[in-house]
Amino acid sequence: MNNKKILIIGASGMLGQRCAKLFSSMENVKTLCASIDETIRFENAEYMTVDVTDEIQIQNIIMNFLPDVIINASAYTNVDKSETERDLSWKINVSGVKYMAETAKKIGAHIIHISSDYVFDGKNGPYSESEVPNPINYYGLTKLEGENAVTNSGADYTVIRTNVLYGIIPSGRLDFVRWVVDSIRSSKPIKIVCDQINNPTFIDDLVSAIALVIEKKKFGLYNVGGKEFLDRYEFTMRIADVFNLDKSFVTKIVTEELNQPAPRPLKSGLLNDKAQLELGYAPIDLDESLIRMKNELNL
C-alpha cells in the first residue's frame, strides 16, 4: 500500500464510507473521496463532489488527482425504481462506469468496480464467477452492462460481485440489519420473505477484500459474499437472536406477496472459493458480525 493514491467514487454510500475509514487511516496512502453528496465530510481524507453521469467531471477529478487505484462504490441501487427511472439507472450504473474505466485506462490506473448477484436470474444459485449471467430486472441488466463497460475499456480492472450488504456507517440510509432492529424496537410489524436465498455480506469483509485486491494486485472477476447461505427470514431470526428482539413482530411471507415492480432472483448468492484461494479472503461468521455491529453501535 506504500505511496498509493486511492480515489473512492461513491464515498457517501455504505461501502464508500467504510472504504474511506480504512484507507484514510493508512500511512503513506493518500485518499480522495468523491460523491454527489454536498454535505458529507471525512476526517482524514480530502473530499470533492462529483456527478458520475457527467463525463467531464469524472475525467477532471481523475486526471487532476492521478490515482493509482479507483474504487467505484457508486451505484443506482433502487431495484424497483430502476424499472421506471431507466435513464437515470443507466447513466449511473453504465455510462458513469464507462467514463471512469476509460479515464483509468488513459492514466494506467487500476479500477475496482463493485457489481451484484442480480446479474443472475436466481434459478440455480449460488453462483461461481464462471457462470453465465442472465438478469431478470432492469437493475441487474445495468449492473451487467456496467461490468461490460469495465472489461471492454482496456483498463487494468477488478470486478467484485457481492450481495445483501450490511454493516456500520455513521450516516446514510439504514442497511437491512439496522432496519430490522429499528422496526421491531419501534413495535412496527415487518413482513420478511422466506424464498430469497443469499449469503449476506458484512461490509467490513468486502472492504478487506478490496484491500487484498489492491495489495496483491489481482485483476479479473471475483465473488465476495458472506460465509453462510440462508433465506431472508432466517437472516432476520438470527438478527433477532443477537439483538434480543421480539420475533412476534416478524411475519414470514413469499416474494410474490410483495407485488414488487421488479422481479427478484430467488435462489441466488455467490460462491467465494476463488476469492478465498487467490486473495486470502476470509469472511467472519454471521453471528460474530452481528455481535460486532451490536457492540459498535451500542444497540
Protein backbone atom coordinates (compact mmCIF):
# COMPACT_ATOMS: atom_id res chain seq x y z
CA MET A 1 0.00 0.00 0.00
CA ASN A 2 3.02 2.32 0.31
CA ASN A 3 2.68 5.61 -1.58
CA LYS A 4 -0.65 4.66 -3.10
CA LYS A 5 -3.15 7.28 -4.23
CA ILE A 6 -6.68 5.92 -3.91
CA LEU A 7 -9.78 7.61 -5.31
CA ILE A 8 -13.09 6.44 -3.83
CA ILE A 9 -16.06 7.39 -6.01
CA GLY A 10 -19.44 6.99 -4.33
CA ALA A 11 -17.84 7.72 -0.96
CA SER A 12 -21.10 8.80 0.71
CA GLY A 13 -22.64 5.33 0.44
CA MET A 14 -22.26 2.42 2.83
CA LEU A 15 -19.29 0.85 1.08
CA GLY A 16 -17.68 4.18 0.26
CA GLN A 17 -17.79 5.38 3.87
CA ARG A 18 -16.27 2.18 5.18
CA CYS A 19 -13.56 2.20 2.48
CA ALA A 20 -12.77 5.82 3.36
CA LYS A 21 -12.40 4.92 7.03
CA LEU A 22 -9.89 2.16 6.27
CA PHE A 23 -7.76 3.70 3.53
CA SER A 24 -7.60 7.20 5.02
CA SER A 25 -6.19 5.70 8.24
CA MET A 26 -3.27 4.05 6.44
CA GLU A 27 0.16 5.64 6.48
CA ASN A 28 1.66 6.52 3.10
CA VAL A 29 -1.75 6.29 1.40
CA LYS A 30 -3.35 9.44 0.00
CA THR A 31 -7.11 9.14 -0.23
CA LEU A 32 -9.52 11.32 -2.17
CA CYS A 33 -13.24 10.75 -1.56
CA ALA A 34 -15.90 11.87 -4.02
CA SER A 35 -19.66 11.61 -4.41
CA ILE A 36 -22.74 13.60 -5.37
CA ASP A 37 -23.34 14.48 -1.70
CA GLU A 38 -22.56 18.12 -0.90
CA THR A 39 -22.74 17.80 2.90
CA ILE A 40 -20.74 14.70 3.87
CA ARG A 41 -17.18 15.13 5.13
CA PHE A 42 -14.36 12.75 6.05
CA GLU A 43 -11.95 13.32 8.94
CA ASN A 44 -8.69 12.17 7.37
CA ALA A 45 -9.39 12.40 3.64
CA GLU A 46 -9.88 15.14 1.10
CA TYR A 47 -13.41 15.29 -0.33
CA MET A 48 -14.88 16.59 -3.59
CA THR A 49 -18.36 16.49 -5.07
CA VAL A 50 -18.74 14.75 -8.40
CA ASP A 51 -21.65 13.70 -10.60
CA VAL A 52 -20.76 10.31 -12.10
CA THR A 53 -23.15 10.92 -15.00
CA ASP A 54 -21.07 13.93 -16.10
CA GLU A 55 -18.17 12.72 -18.26
CA ILE A 56 -16.20 15.95 -17.92
CA GLN A 57 -16.45 15.92 -14.11
CA ILE A 58 -15.27 12.31 -13.97
CA GLN A 59 -12.37 12.99 -16.32
CA ASN A 60 -11.34 16.09 -14.39
CA ILE A 61 -11.31 14.50 -10.95
CA ILE A 62 -9.32 11.52 -12.18
CA MET A 63 -6.86 13.47 -14.33
CA ASN A 64 -6.23 16.04 -11.59
CA PHE A 65 -5.70 13.51 -8.77
CA LEU A 66 -3.95 10.84 -10.90
CA PRO A 67 -4.84 7.92 -8.62
CA ASP A 68 -3.13 4.55 -8.68
CA VAL A 69 -6.45 2.92 -7.77
CA ILE A 70 -10.06 3.96 -8.42
CA ILE A 71 -12.71 2.27 -6.26
CA ASN A 72 -16.14 2.68 -7.82
CA ALA A 73 -18.59 2.34 -4.96
CA SER A 74 -21.24 4.46 -6.69
CA ALA A 75 -24.45 2.89 -7.96
CA TYR A 76 -28.14 3.42 -8.52
CA THR A 77 -29.39 0.66 -6.23
CA ASN A 78 -33.17 1.08 -6.08
CA VAL A 79 -34.23 -2.11 -7.82
CA ASP A 80 -37.90 -1.23 -8.21
CA LYS A 81 -37.39 2.38 -9.30
CA SER A 82 -34.89 1.17 -11.90
CA GLU A 83 -37.86 -0.25 -13.79
CA THR A 84 -39.28 3.25 -14.34
CA GLU A 85 -36.24 5.50 -13.87
CA ARG A 86 -34.33 3.61 -16.53
CA ASP A 87 -32.48 6.58 -17.95
CA LEU A 88 -31.02 7.58 -14.58
CA SER A 89 -30.22 3.99 -13.65
CA TRP A 90 -28.35 3.52 -16.93
CA LYS A 91 -26.47 6.82 -16.63
CA ILE A 92 -25.15 5.93 -13.16
CA ASN A 93 -24.62 2.17 -13.48
CA VAL A 94 -23.35 2.05 -17.05
CA SER A 95 -22.38 5.41 -18.55
CA GLY A 96 -20.67 6.66 -15.38
CA VAL A 97 -18.73 3.41 -15.07
CA LYS A 98 -17.65 3.70 -18.70
CA TYR A 99 -16.32 7.22 -18.09
CA MET A 100 -14.31 6.03 -15.07
CA ALA A 101 -12.87 2.99 -16.81
CA GLU A 102 -11.90 4.83 -19.98
CA THR A 103 -10.14 7.56 -17.98
CA ALA A 104 -8.45 4.92 -15.79
CA LYS A 105 -7.08 3.40 -18.99
CA LYS A 106 -5.61 6.75 -20.05
CA ILE A 107 -3.58 7.17 -16.86
CA GLY A 108 -2.80 3.49 -16.17
CA ALA A 109 -4.91 3.31 -13.00
CA HIS A 110 -6.40 0.12 -11.58
CA ILE A 111 -10.19 0.38 -11.42
CA ILE A 112 -12.09 -1.74 -8.90
CA HIS A 113 -15.78 -1.89 -9.74
CA ILE A 114 -18.49 -3.28 -7.45
CA SER A 115 -21.23 -5.36 -9.05
CA SER A 116 -24.07 -7.58 -7.86
CA ASP A 117 -25.51 -11.09 -7.82
CA TYR A 118 -28.50 -9.51 -9.58
CA VAL A 119 -26.71 -10.15 -12.87
CA PHE A 120 -28.10 -13.71 -12.44
CA ASP A 121 -31.68 -14.98 -12.67
CA GLY A 122 -31.65 -16.73 -9.30
CA LYS A 123 -32.76 -20.11 -10.62
CA ASN A 124 -29.64 -22.16 -9.86
CA GLY A 125 -27.59 -20.28 -7.29
CA PRO A 126 -25.26 -19.92 -5.59
CA TYR A 127 -23.09 -18.82 -8.49
CA SER A 128 -19.40 -19.00 -9.34
CA GLU A 129 -17.53 -16.47 -11.47
CA SER A 130 -17.65 -18.81 -14.49
CA GLU A 131 -21.45 -18.99 -14.77
CA VAL A 132 -23.29 -17.07 -17.47
CA PRO A 133 -25.27 -14.02 -16.26
CA ASN A 134 -28.96 -13.68 -17.08
CA PRO A 135 -30.52 -10.65 -15.33
CA ILE A 136 -34.29 -10.65 -14.84
CA ASN A 137 -34.78 -6.97 -13.96
CA TYR A 138 -33.50 -3.67 -15.32
CA TYR A 139 -31.24 -3.03 -12.33
CA GLY A 140 -29.50 -6.36 -12.95
CA LEU A 141 -29.13 -5.50 -16.63
CA THR A 142 -27.44 -2.19 -15.81
CA LYS A 143 -25.05 -3.90 -13.39
CA LEU A 144 -24.11 -6.42 -16.08
CA GLU A 145 -23.59 -3.69 -18.66
CA GLY A 146 -21.50 -1.78 -16.11
CA GLU A 147 -19.28 -4.85 -15.80
CA ASN A 148 -19.00 -4.99 -19.58
CA ALA A 149 -18.04 -1.31 -19.73
CA VAL A 150 -15.13 -2.04 -17.38
CA THR A 151 -13.95 -5.23 -19.06
CA ASN A 152 -14.12 -3.68 -22.54
CA SER A 153 -12.28 -0.47 -21.55
CA GLY A 154 -8.77 -1.88 -21.78
CA ALA A 155 -8.02 -0.66 -18.25
CA ASP A 156 -6.48 -2.80 -15.53
CA TYR A 157 -9.65 -3.83 -13.70
CA THR A 158 -11.14 -5.92 -10.95
CA VAL A 159 -14.89 -6.53 -10.84
CA ILE A 160 -16.20 -7.66 -7.46
CA ARG A 161 -19.70 -9.12 -7.28
CA THR A 162 -21.36 -9.03 -3.89
CA ASN A 163 -24.85 -9.33 -2.35
CA VAL A 164 -27.02 -8.08 0.56
CA LEU A 165 -24.54 -5.66 2.13
CA TYR A 166 -24.95 -4.92 5.83
CA GLY A 167 -22.80 -3.16 8.38
CA ILE A 168 -22.00 0.02 10.25
CA ILE A 169 -21.86 3.53 8.79
CA PRO A 170 -22.18 6.90 10.54
CA SER A 171 -24.69 8.35 8.08
CA GLY A 172 -26.97 7.37 5.22
CA ARG A 173 -29.88 5.02 4.76
CA LEU A 174 -30.28 2.01 7.01
CA ASP A 175 -28.97 -1.38 5.98
CA PHE A 176 -31.18 -4.46 6.40
CA VAL A 177 -29.91 -5.23 9.91
CA ARG A 178 -30.50 -1.72 11.25
CA TRP A 179 -33.91 -1.63 9.55
CA VAL A 180 -34.95 -4.86 11.26
CA VAL A 181 -33.65 -3.70 14.65
CA ASP A 182 -35.20 -0.24 14.47
CA SER A 183 -38.54 -1.55 13.18
CA ILE A 184 -39.03 -4.16 15.88
CA ARG A 185 -37.80 -1.90 18.68
CA SER A 186 -40.36 0.63 17.49
CA SER A 187 -43.04 -2.10 17.71
CA LYS A 188 -43.50 -1.96 13.95
CA PRO A 189 -44.58 -5.27 12.36
CA ILE A 190 -42.45 -6.33 9.39
CA LYS A 191 -43.01 -8.86 6.61
CA ILE A 192 -39.94 -10.87 5.57
CA VAL A 193 -39.64 -13.21 2.61
CA CYS A 194 -38.57 -16.81 3.11
CA ASP A 195 -37.85 -17.65 -0.54
CA GLN A 196 -34.89 -15.34 -1.33
CA ILE A 197 -31.60 -17.09 -0.56
CA ASN A 198 -28.27 -15.26 -0.42
CA ASN A 199 -25.05 -15.14 1.57
CA PRO A 200 -25.33 -11.65 3.14
CA THR A 201 -22.06 -9.73 3.06
CA PHE A 202 -20.66 -7.89 6.09
CA ILE A 203 -19.38 -4.55 4.82
CA ASP A 204 -16.03 -4.90 6.61
CA ASP A 205 -15.43 -8.22 4.86
CA LEU A 206 -15.99 -6.55 1.49
CA VAL A 207 -13.64 -3.69 2.38
CA SER A 208 -10.98 -6.19 3.43
CA ALA A 209 -11.39 -7.96 0.08
CA ILE A 210 -10.89 -4.68 -1.76
CA ALA A 211 -7.72 -4.05 0.27
CA LEU A 212 -6.46 -7.53 -0.62
CA VAL A 213 -7.12 -6.88 -4.32
CA ILE A 214 -5.03 -3.70 -4.14
CA GLU A 215 -2.26 -5.24 -2.03
CA LYS A 216 -1.92 -8.36 -4.19
CA LYS A 217 -2.58 -6.53 -7.49
CA LYS A 218 -5.26 -9.01 -8.52
CA PHE A 219 -7.25 -8.40 -11.67
CA GLY A 220 -10.37 -10.00 -13.19
CA LEU A 221 -13.65 -11.11 -11.64
CA TYR A 222 -14.19 -12.13 -8.01
CA ASN A 223 -17.21 -13.05 -5.91
CA VAL A 224 -17.18 -11.64 -2.38
CA GLY A 225 -20.02 -12.72 -0.12
CA GLY A 226 -20.72 -13.88 3.39
CA LYS A 227 -19.87 -17.20 4.97
CA GLU A 228 -23.43 -18.57 5.27
CA PHE A 229 -26.28 -19.11 2.79
CA LEU A 230 -29.74 -18.54 4.21
CA ASP A 231 -33.08 -17.01 3.28
CA ARG A 232 -34.05 -13.51 4.34
CA TYR A 233 -36.43 -14.76 7.05
CA GLU A 234 -33.70 -16.93 8.58
CA PHE A 235 -31.37 -13.94 8.44
CA THR A 236 -33.96 -11.87 10.32
CA MET A 237 -34.30 -14.55 13.00
CA ARG A 238 -30.52 -14.53 13.51
CA ILE A 239 -30.62 -10.74 13.85
CA ALA A 240 -33.44 -11.06 16.38
CA ASP A 241 -31.44 -13.57 18.44
CA VAL A 242 -28.32 -11.39 18.64
CA PHE A 243 -30.19 -8.13 19.30
CA ASN A 244 -32.76 -9.73 21.66
CA LEU A 245 -35.73 -8.69 19.54
CA ASP A 246 -39.36 -9.78 19.84
CA LYS A 247 -39.86 -12.18 16.93
CA SER A 248 -43.64 -11.87 17.12
CA PHE A 249 -43.35 -8.67 15.08
CA VAL A 250 -41.99 -10.66 12.11
CA THR A 251 -44.34 -12.30 9.61
CA LYS A 252 -43.00 -14.83 7.13
CA ILE A 253 -44.18 -14.34 3.52
CA VAL A 254 -43.09 -15.21 -0.01
CA THR A 255 -41.75 -12.69 -2.53
CA GLU A 256 -44.83 -12.88 -4.74
CA GLU A 257 -46.95 -11.37 -1.95
CA LEU A 258 -44.99 -8.11 -2.11
CA ASN A 259 -46.14 -7.33 -5.66
CA GLN A 260 -42.87 -5.52 -6.39
CA PRO A 261 -42.40 -3.85 -9.81
CA ALA A 262 -39.09 -5.67 -10.40
CA PRO A 263 -38.79 -9.47 -10.23
CA ARG A 264 -36.16 -10.77 -7.78
CA PRO A 265 -33.66 -13.60 -8.16
CA LEU A 266 -34.71 -16.16 -5.55
CA LYS A 267 -32.09 -18.90 -5.28
CA SER A 268 -29.03 -16.71 -5.50
CA GLY A 269 -25.84 -15.98 -3.56
CA LEU A 270 -22.18 -16.08 -4.57
CA LEU A 271 -19.51 -18.73 -4.09
CA ASN A 272 -16.33 -17.33 -2.51
CA ASP A 273 -13.90 -20.10 -3.47
CA LYS A 274 -11.84 -18.05 -5.93
CA ALA A 275 -11.51 -15.08 -3.58
CA GLN A 276 -10.53 -17.35 -0.71
CA LEU A 277 -7.90 -19.14 -2.80
CA GLU A 278 -6.40 -16.18 -4.69
CA LEU A 279 -6.94 -13.28 -2.28
CA GLY A 280 -6.89 -15.00 1.09
CA TYR A 281 -10.42 -13.68 1.65
CA ALA A 282 -11.82 -14.94 4.97
CA PRO A 283 -15.33 -13.72 5.88
CA ILE A 284 -16.25 -13.84 9.54
CA ASP A 285 -19.16 -15.80 10.97
CA LEU A 286 -22.60 -14.22 10.59
CA ASP A 287 -23.31 -14.13 14.32
CA GLU A 288 -19.88 -12.62 15.02
CA SER A 289 -20.54 -9.84 12.50
CA LEU A 290 -23.89 -9.08 14.16
CA ILE A 291 -22.26 -9.01 17.59
CA ARG A 292 -19.68 -6.54 16.26
CA MET A 293 -22.46 -4.33 14.95
CA LYS A 294 -24.32 -4.51 18.25
CA ASN A 295 -21.21 -3.58 20.22
CA GLU A 296 -20.03 -0.78 17.91
CA LEU A 297 -23.49 0.77 17.69
CA ASN A 298 -24.27 0.21 21.39
CA LEU A 299 -27.63 -1.25 20.45
